Amino acid sequence: MGIQIRTNEAKESSIPGVFACGDVARVPHSVSLAVGDGAWAGAQLHRSLVWPES
């Protein structure tokens, strides 16, 4: 299955500001799940830039 990156519920990796989604962050590999993950990761990335946690 390849290397998987562990993420939290916001798709953020253990490195602050680095997000992962799609095939690298979830099993099973599926186009529809990857698209959904990408949309969610993008929204969470935007949130982290607009409202950064102190």
C-alpha atoms as a PDB file:
ATOM      1  CA  MET A   1       0.000   0.000   0.000  1.00  0.00           C
ATOM      2  CA  GLY A   2       2.975   2.357   0.347  1.00  0.00           C
ATOM      3  CA  ILE A   3       3.893   4.869   3.003  1.00  0.00           C
ATOM      4  CA  GLN A   4       1.043   6.420   4.978  1.00  0.00           C
ATOM      5  CA  ILE A   5       1.285   9.779   6.762  1.00  0.00           C
ATOM      6  CA  ARG A   6      -0.541   9.957  10.075  1.00  0.00           C
ATOM      7  CA  THR A   7      -2.814  13.001  10.368  1.00  0.00           C
ATOM      8  CA  ASN A   8      -5.250  14.403  12.898  1.00  0.00           C
ATOM      9  CA  GLU A   9      -8.931  15.116  12.169  1.00  0.00           C
ATOM     10  CA  ALA A  10      -7.948  18.367  10.409  1.00  0.00           C
ATOM     11  CA  LYS A  11      -5.550  16.452   8.087  1.00  0.00           C
ATOM     12  CA  GLU A  12      -2.529  18.136   9.707  1.00  0.00           C
ATOM     13  CA  SER A  13       0.602  16.026  10.088  1.00  0.00           C
ATOM     14  CA  SER A  14       2.886  16.036  13.118  1.00  0.00           C
ATOM     15  CA  ILE A  15       4.756  18.943  11.501  1.00  0.00           C
ATOM     16  CA  PRO A  16       2.808  22.177  12.137  1.00  0.00           C
ATOM     17  CA  GLY A  17       1.480  23.688   8.908  1.00  0.00           C
ATOM     18  CA  VAL A  18       1.967  20.511   6.869  1.00  0.00           C
ATOM     19  CA  PHE A  19      -1.247  18.819   5.756  1.00  0.00           C
ATOM     20  CA  ALA A  20      -1.683  15.465   4.016  1.00  0.00           C
ATOM     21  CA  CYS A  21      -4.659  13.968   2.240  1.00  0.00           C
ATOM     22  CA  GLY A  22      -5.738  11.394  -0.316  1.00  0.00           C
ATOM     23  CA  ASP A  23      -3.798   8.207  -0.961  1.00  0.00           C
ATOM     24  CA  VAL A  24      -0.858   9.222   1.219  1.00  0.00           C
ATOM     25  CA  ALA A  25      -3.069   9.740   4.290  1.00  0.00           C
ATOM     26  CA  ARG A  26      -5.758   7.072   4.036  1.00  0.00           C
ATOM     27  CA  VAL A  27      -6.541   3.514   3.026  1.00  0.00           C
ATOM     28  CA  PRO A  28      -8.406   2.399   0.919  1.00  0.00           C
ATOM     29  CA  HIS A  29      -7.161   4.242  -2.122  1.00  0.00           C
ATOM     30  CA  SER A  30     -10.123   5.819  -3.871  1.00  0.00           C
ATOM     31  CA  VAL A  31     -10.484   8.829  -6.149  1.00  0.00           C
ATOM     32  CA  SER A  32     -13.694  10.006  -4.492  1.00  0.00           C
ATOM     33  CA  LEU A  33     -12.215   9.747  -0.994  1.00  0.00           C
ATOM     34  CA  ALA A  34      -9.050  11.531  -2.138  1.00  0.00           C
ATOM     35  CA  VAL A  35     -11.108  14.393  -3.596  1.00  0.00           C
ATOM     36  CA  GLY A  36     -13.092  14.714  -0.362  1.00  0.00           C
ATOM     37  CA  ASP A  37      -9.910  14.596   1.706  1.00  0.00           C
ATOM     38  CA  GLY A  38      -8.354  17.287  -0.484  1.00  0.00           C
ATOM     39  CA  ALA A  39     -11.345  19.582  -0.061  1.00  0.00           C
ATOM     40  CA  TRP A  40     -11.318  19.090   3.712  1.00  0.00           C
ATOM     41  CA  ALA A  41      -7.533  19.578   3.961  1.00  0.00           C
ATOM     42  CA  GLY A  42      -7.795  22.762   1.885  1.00  0.00           C
ATOM     43  CA  ALA A  43     -10.524  24.135   4.146  1.00  0.00           C
ATOM     44  CA  GLN A  44      -8.508  23.296   7.254  1.00  0.00           C
ATOM     45  CA  LEU A  45      -5.358  24.843   5.791  1.00  0.00           C
ATOM     46  CA  HIS A  46      -7.297  28.037   5.046  1.00  0.00           C
ATOM     47  CA  ARG A  47      -8.675  28.027   8.597  1.00  0.00           C
ATOM     48  CA  SER A  48      -5.177  27.647  10.042  1.00  0.00           C
ATOM     49  CA  LEU A  49      -3.931  30.643   8.037  1.00  0.00           C
ATOM     50  CA  VAL A  50      -6.882  32.925   8.775  1.00  0.00           C
ATOM     51  CA  TRP A  51      -7.280  31.999  12.467  1.00  0.00           C
ATOM     52  CA  PRO A  52      -3.903  30.707  13.669  1.00  0.00           C
ATOM     53  CA  GLU A  53      -3.825  29.163  17.115  1.00  0.00           C
ATOM     54  CA  SER A  54      -1.582  30.950  19.579  1.00  0.00           C
END
